[in-house]
């Protein structure tokens, strides 16, 4: 079983947690529909749906089940920090069911990063 995921922060190539994607298939760079924003949560960003959304830039990967579990753990899904769900992309992929991790906490008083982090 594999899943297609969109990453937009520390999991991107060149960033500190990209090693968690080792051995997985990079598909393409991608851009979301203009319905999201990124907020600076300190050492990582949070993706949220937003009324005045922007087209967030990131990368798309095909990952296996083991990697997906590892990523869910790293993103704090079990702790309720993030939830993984479908994301709307402008960029077409072979699989239209692309998922991303969405921040569940408040973004009040957080710096708005707009469409790209950092």
C-alpha atoms as a PDB file:
ATOM      1  CA  UNK A   1       0.000   0.000   0.000  1.00  0.00           C
ATOM      2  CA  UNK A   2       1.255   3.476  -0.856  1.00  0.00           C
ATOM      3  CA  UNK A   3      -0.063   6.989  -0.280  1.00  0.00           C
ATOM      4  CA  UNK A   4       0.661  10.242  -2.059  1.00  0.00           C
ATOM      5  CA  UNK A   5       1.567  13.088   0.280  1.00  0.00           C
ATOM      6  CA  UNK A   6       2.265  16.810   0.007  1.00  0.00           C
ATOM      7  CA  UNK A   7       4.968  18.258   2.279  1.00  0.00           C
ATOM      8  CA  UNK A   8       5.503  21.978   2.822  1.00  0.00           C
ATOM      9  CA  UNK A   9       7.980  22.443   5.685  1.00  0.00           C
ATOM     10  CA  UNK A  10      10.714  20.519   7.468  1.00  0.00           C
ATOM     11  CA  UNK A  11      10.077  17.375   5.384  1.00  0.00           C
ATOM     12  CA  UNK A  12      11.057  19.122   2.122  1.00  0.00           C
ATOM     13  CA  UNK A  13      14.417  18.413   0.505  1.00  0.00           C
ATOM     14  CA  UNK A  14      17.209  20.298   2.249  1.00  0.00           C
ATOM     15  CA  UNK A  15      15.382  20.600   5.574  1.00  0.00           C
ATOM     16  CA  UNK A  16      16.011  18.908   8.922  1.00  0.00           C
ATOM     17  CA  UNK A  17      13.406  16.125   8.784  1.00  0.00           C
ATOM     18  CA  UNK A  18      13.709  15.187   5.129  1.00  0.00           C
ATOM     19  CA  UNK A  19      15.618  12.060   6.208  1.00  0.00           C
ATOM     20  CA  UNK A  20      12.239  10.612   7.292  1.00  0.00           C
ATOM     21  CA  UNK A  21      11.416  10.333   3.566  1.00  0.00           C
ATOM     22  CA  UNK A  22      14.575   8.355   2.739  1.00  0.00           C
ATOM     23  CA  UNK A  23      13.815   5.581   0.259  1.00  0.00           C
ATOM     24  CA  UNK A  24      10.474   7.083  -0.804  1.00  0.00           C
ATOM     25  CA  UNK A  25       9.639   8.320  -4.305  1.00  0.00           C
ATOM     26  CA  UNK A  26       9.783  12.064  -5.001  1.00  0.00           C
ATOM     27  CA  UNK A  27       7.107  12.811  -7.621  1.00  0.00           C
ATOM     28  CA  UNK A  28       7.218  16.558  -8.195  1.00  0.00           C
ATOM     29  CA  UNK A  29       7.150  20.031  -6.808  1.00  0.00           C
ATOM     30  CA  UNK A  30       3.572  21.154  -6.349  1.00  0.00           C
ATOM     31  CA  UNK A  31       1.309  24.061  -5.507  1.00  0.00           C
ATOM     32  CA  UNK A  32      -1.982  23.920  -3.656  1.00  0.00           C
ATOM     33  CA  UNK A  33      -5.174  25.647  -4.617  1.00  0.00           C
ATOM     34  CA  UNK A  34      -5.428  29.133  -3.053  1.00  0.00           C
ATOM     35  CA  UNK A  35      -7.300  28.063   0.079  1.00  0.00           C
ATOM     36  CA  UNK A  36      -4.473  27.592   2.607  1.00  0.00           C
ATOM     37  CA  UNK A  37      -1.835  29.537   4.535  1.00  0.00           C
ATOM     38  CA  UNK A  38       1.277  28.590   6.455  1.00  0.00           C
ATOM     39  CA  UNK A  39       1.958  29.868   9.965  1.00  0.00           C
ATOM     40  CA  UNK A  40       5.307  29.839  11.759  1.00  0.00           C
ATOM     41  CA  UNK A  41       5.024  27.584  14.808  1.00  0.00           C
ATOM     42  CA  UNK A  42       8.653  28.012  15.840  1.00  0.00           C
ATOM     43  CA  UNK A  43      10.932  25.455  14.236  1.00  0.00           C
ATOM     44  CA  UNK A  44       8.250  24.222  11.822  1.00  0.00           C
ATOM     45  CA  UNK A  45       5.193  25.506   9.953  1.00  0.00           C
ATOM     46  CA  UNK A  46       1.510  24.705  10.244  1.00  0.00           C
ATOM     47  CA  UNK A  47      -0.807  24.425   7.237  1.00  0.00           C
ATOM     48  CA  UNK A  48      -4.359  25.681   7.766  1.00  0.00           C
ATOM     49  CA  UNK A  49      -7.376  26.323   5.574  1.00  0.00           C
ATOM     50  CA  UNK A  50      -7.865  30.087   5.369  1.00  0.00           C
ATOM     51  CA  UNK A  51     -10.521  32.403   3.882  1.00  0.00           C
ATOM     52  CA  UNK A  52      -7.844  34.609   2.292  1.00  0.00           C
ATOM     53  CA  UNK A  53      -5.811  31.606   1.210  1.00  0.00           C
ATOM     54  CA  UNK A  54      -2.731  31.418  -0.953  1.00  0.00           C
ATOM     55  CA  UNK A  55      -1.227  28.787  -3.222  1.00  0.00           C
ATOM     56  CA  UNK A  56       1.203  27.014  -0.880  1.00  0.00           C
ATOM     57  CA  UNK A  57       4.344  25.558  -2.475  1.00  0.00           C
ATOM     58  CA  UNK A  58       5.751  22.169  -1.535  1.00  0.00           C
ATOM     59  CA  UNK A  59       6.689  18.702  -2.766  1.00  0.00           C
ATOM     60  CA  UNK A  60       4.766  15.510  -3.523  1.00  0.00           C
ATOM     61  CA  UNK A  61       5.976  12.019  -2.611  1.00  0.00           C
ATOM     62  CA  UNK A  62       4.701   8.483  -2.911  1.00  0.00           C
ATOM     63  CA  UNK A  63       5.321   6.784   0.446  1.00  0.00           C
ATOM     64  CA  UNK A  64       4.837   3.270   1.781  1.00  0.00           C
ATOM     65  CA  UNK A  65       2.774   2.370   4.852  1.00  0.00           C
ATOM     66  CA  UNK A  66       5.805   2.163   7.149  1.00  0.00           C
ATOM     67  CA  UNK A  67       6.948   5.644   6.155  1.00  0.00           C
ATOM     68  CA  UNK A  68       3.425   7.030   6.568  1.00  0.00           C
ATOM     69  CA  UNK A  69       3.303   5.715  10.154  1.00  0.00           C
ATOM     70  CA  UNK A  70       6.727   7.249  10.835  1.00  0.00           C
ATOM     71  CA  UNK A  71       5.541  10.600   9.448  1.00  0.00           C
ATOM     72  CA  UNK A  72       2.287  10.539  11.430  1.00  0.00           C
ATOM     73  CA  UNK A  73       4.351   9.949  14.568  1.00  0.00           C
ATOM     74  CA  UNK A  74       6.776  12.769  13.729  1.00  0.00           C
ATOM     75  CA  UNK A  75       3.876  15.151  13.037  1.00  0.00           C
ATOM     76  CA  UNK A  76       2.176  14.407  16.352  1.00  0.00           C
ATOM     77  CA  UNK A  77      -1.032  12.989  14.882  1.00  0.00           C
ATOM     78  CA  UNK A  78      -1.707  10.801  17.951  1.00  0.00           C
ATOM     79  CA  UNK A  79      -1.172  13.825  20.216  1.00  0.00           C
ATOM     80  CA  UNK A  80      -3.703  15.894  18.265  1.00  0.00           C
ATOM     81  CA  UNK A  81      -1.201  18.411  16.894  1.00  0.00           C
ATOM     82  CA  UNK A  82      -1.862  17.635  13.222  1.00  0.00           C
ATOM     83  CA  UNK A  83      -4.385  15.668  11.204  1.00  0.00           C
ATOM     84  CA  UNK A  84      -3.619  14.113   7.837  1.00  0.00           C
ATOM     85  CA  UNK A  85      -6.289  14.706   5.207  1.00  0.00           C
ATOM     86  CA  UNK A  86      -6.795  15.429   1.517  1.00  0.00           C
ATOM     87  CA  UNK A  87      -5.233  18.610   0.167  1.00  0.00           C
ATOM     88  CA  UNK A  88      -6.308  20.399  -3.018  1.00  0.00           C
ATOM     89  CA  UNK A  89      -3.448  20.784  -5.501  1.00  0.00           C
ATOM     90  CA  UNK A  90      -3.194  22.867  -8.662  1.00  0.00           C
ATOM     91  CA  UNK A  91      -0.440  20.539  -9.828  1.00  0.00           C
ATOM     92  CA  UNK A  92      -1.861  17.386 -11.389  1.00  0.00           C
ATOM     93  CA  UNK A  93      -0.603  14.025 -10.115  1.00  0.00           C
ATOM     94  CA  UNK A  94      -1.356  10.440 -11.107  1.00  0.00           C
ATOM     95  CA  UNK A  95      -3.310  10.162  -7.866  1.00  0.00           C
ATOM     96  CA  UNK A  96      -5.829  12.899  -7.060  1.00  0.00           C
ATOM     97  CA  UNK A  97      -6.065  11.731  -3.436  1.00  0.00           C
ATOM     98  CA  UNK A  98      -3.030  13.612  -2.112  1.00  0.00           C
ATOM     99  CA  UNK A  99      -2.815  14.133   1.643  1.00  0.00           C
ATOM    100  CA  UNK A 100      -1.065  16.703   3.832  1.00  0.00           C
ATOM    101  CA  UNK A 101      -0.762  17.350   7.550  1.00  0.00           C
ATOM    102  CA  UNK A 102      -2.994  20.185   8.781  1.00  0.00           C
ATOM    103  CA  UNK A 103      -2.284  22.067  12.027  1.00  0.00           C
ATOM    104  CA  UNK A 104      -5.084  21.690  14.581  1.00  0.00           C
ATOM    105  CA  UNK A 105      -3.975  24.325  17.104  1.00  0.00           C
ATOM    106  CA  UNK A 106      -4.570  28.038  17.222  1.00  0.00           C
ATOM    107  CA  UNK A 107      -2.614  30.330  14.918  1.00  0.00           C
ATOM    108  CA  UNK A 108      -3.446  33.406  16.965  1.00  0.00           C
ATOM    109  CA  UNK A 109      -0.288  35.467  17.495  1.00  0.00           C
ATOM    110  CA  UNK A 110       1.639  33.227  15.069  1.00  0.00           C
ATOM    111  CA  UNK A 111       3.588  34.790  12.208  1.00  0.00           C
ATOM    112  CA  UNK A 112       1.842  34.350   8.855  1.00  0.00           C
ATOM    113  CA  UNK A 113       4.346  32.780   6.437  1.00  0.00           C
ATOM    114  CA  UNK A 114       1.943  33.041   3.499  1.00  0.00           C
ATOM    115  CA  UNK A 115       2.647  30.490   0.778  1.00  0.00           C
ATOM    116  CA  UNK A 116       6.144  29.260   1.619  1.00  0.00           C
ATOM    117  CA  UNK A 117       8.173  28.303   4.671  1.00  0.00           C
ATOM    118  CA  UNK A 118      10.665  29.479   5.820  1.00  0.00           C
END
